[in-house]
Amino acid sequence: MKMLEDFGFDKSDIEEYENNTPSKMKELIINNLDLVRENLKYISSLGIDTYKEIFINYPDKFLLDNSVFVEMFSKYETNELIEKLNANYKLIEYL
């Protein structure tokens, strides 16, 4: 998936995504590439180093409307949130 390469995903990241993502979810992502791209751009611009792991494990989050996606992160102090998500990307479940 070329779009993921544009965000620094390497071959193994893309393989992990392909192998662990249900076909219906992949179809939704393909049908909403602009939205997914916008949300990936936002999360990576925050400085969250684990954005690839978050995308691979929680691709449904990237299908949220961009304003909802941004709001999910805006509720928290940015530096603390970045530090916590970089230490444990699974905390995204609780946002």
Protein backbone atom coordinates (compact mmCIF):
# COMPACT_ATOMS: atom_id res chain seq x y z
CA MET A 1 0.00 0.00 0.00
CA LYS A 2 1.77 3.08 -1.31
CA MET A 3 0.05 5.45 1.10
CA LEU A 4 1.64 3.70 4.08
CA GLU A 5 5.08 3.94 2.48
CA ASP A 6 4.54 7.70 2.26
CA PHE A 7 4.30 7.71 6.07
CA GLY A 8 7.48 5.74 6.64
CA PHE A 9 6.02 2.26 6.97
CA ASP A 10 8.57 -0.30 5.84
CA LYS A 11 7.91 -3.65 4.20
CA SER A 12 7.59 -5.52 7.51
CA ASP A 13 5.16 -2.90 8.89
CA ILE A 14 2.98 -3.23 5.79
CA GLU A 15 3.11 -7.03 5.95
CA GLU A 16 2.05 -6.92 9.59
CA TYR A 17 -0.86 -4.62 8.67
CA GLU A 18 -1.87 -6.85 5.75
CA ASN A 19 -1.69 -10.05 7.83
CA ASN A 20 -3.50 -8.72 10.92
CA THR A 21 -6.22 -6.53 9.43
CA PRO A 22 -9.55 -8.07 8.45
CA SER A 23 -10.43 -7.68 4.77
CA LYS A 24 -13.52 -5.56 5.57
CA MET A 25 -11.36 -3.11 7.52
CA LYS A 26 -8.79 -2.94 4.69
CA GLU A 27 -11.62 -2.23 2.27
CA LEU A 28 -12.92 0.60 4.48
CA ILE A 29 -9.44 2.07 4.69
CA ILE A 30 -8.98 1.91 0.91
CA ASN A 31 -12.38 3.55 0.42
CA ASN A 32 -11.45 6.34 2.85
CA LEU A 33 -7.78 6.94 2.00
CA ASP A 34 -8.02 10.71 2.22
CA LEU A 35 -9.43 10.55 5.74
CA VAL A 36 -6.90 7.92 6.85
CA ARG A 37 -4.08 9.96 5.31
CA GLU A 38 -5.26 13.11 7.11
CA ASN A 39 -5.41 11.29 10.46
CA LEU A 40 -2.00 9.66 9.93
CA LYS A 41 -0.55 13.05 9.07
CA TYR A 42 -1.99 14.53 12.27
CA ILE A 43 -0.79 11.79 14.63
CA SER A 44 2.69 11.69 13.12
CA SER A 45 2.95 15.49 13.28
CA LEU A 46 2.31 15.38 17.02
CA GLY A 47 5.57 13.50 17.48
CA ILE A 48 4.01 10.20 18.47
CA ASP A 49 6.71 7.75 17.41
CA THR A 50 4.42 4.75 17.79
CA TYR A 51 1.93 5.94 15.16
CA LYS A 52 2.76 2.92 12.97
CA GLU A 53 1.99 0.48 15.77
CA ILE A 54 -1.19 2.38 16.54
CA PHE A 55 -2.29 2.21 12.91
CA ILE A 56 -1.42 -1.48 12.54
CA ASN A 57 -3.23 -2.48 15.73
CA TYR A 58 -6.08 0.05 15.76
CA PRO A 59 -6.84 0.91 12.13
CA ASP A 60 -10.47 1.66 13.00
CA LYS A 61 -9.34 4.78 14.91
CA PHE A 62 -8.08 6.25 11.63
CA LEU A 63 -11.57 6.04 10.14
CA LEU A 64 -12.90 8.54 12.65
CA ASP A 65 -13.83 11.92 11.27
CA ASN A 66 -10.74 14.11 11.45
CA SER A 67 -12.32 16.54 13.91
CA VAL A 68 -13.23 13.63 16.22
CA PHE A 69 -9.74 12.17 15.79
CA VAL A 70 -8.08 15.49 16.67
CA GLU A 71 -10.44 15.99 19.61
CA MET A 72 -9.50 12.57 20.97
CA PHE A 73 -5.91 13.81 21.37
CA SER A 74 -6.75 17.40 22.30
CA LYS A 75 -8.38 16.40 25.58
CA TYR A 76 -4.96 15.75 27.09
CA GLU A 77 -1.80 17.71 27.67
CA THR A 78 0.16 17.11 24.48
CA ASN A 79 3.64 16.38 25.87
CA GLU A 80 2.32 13.97 28.49
CA LEU A 81 0.16 12.19 25.94
CA ILE A 82 3.04 11.85 23.49
CA GLU A 83 5.30 10.48 26.23
CA LYS A 84 2.70 7.93 27.35
CA LEU A 85 1.81 6.76 23.82
CA ASN A 86 5.48 6.48 22.88
CA ALA A 87 6.00 4.28 25.95
CA ASN A 88 2.86 2.19 25.40
CA TYR A 89 0.87 2.61 22.18
CA LYS A 90 -1.95 0.44 23.58
CA LEU A 91 -3.07 3.38 25.72
CA ILE A 92 -4.80 4.65 22.56
CA GLU A 93 -7.69 2.38 23.59
CA TYR A 94 -8.46 4.69 26.50
CA LEU A 95 -8.55 8.01 24.67
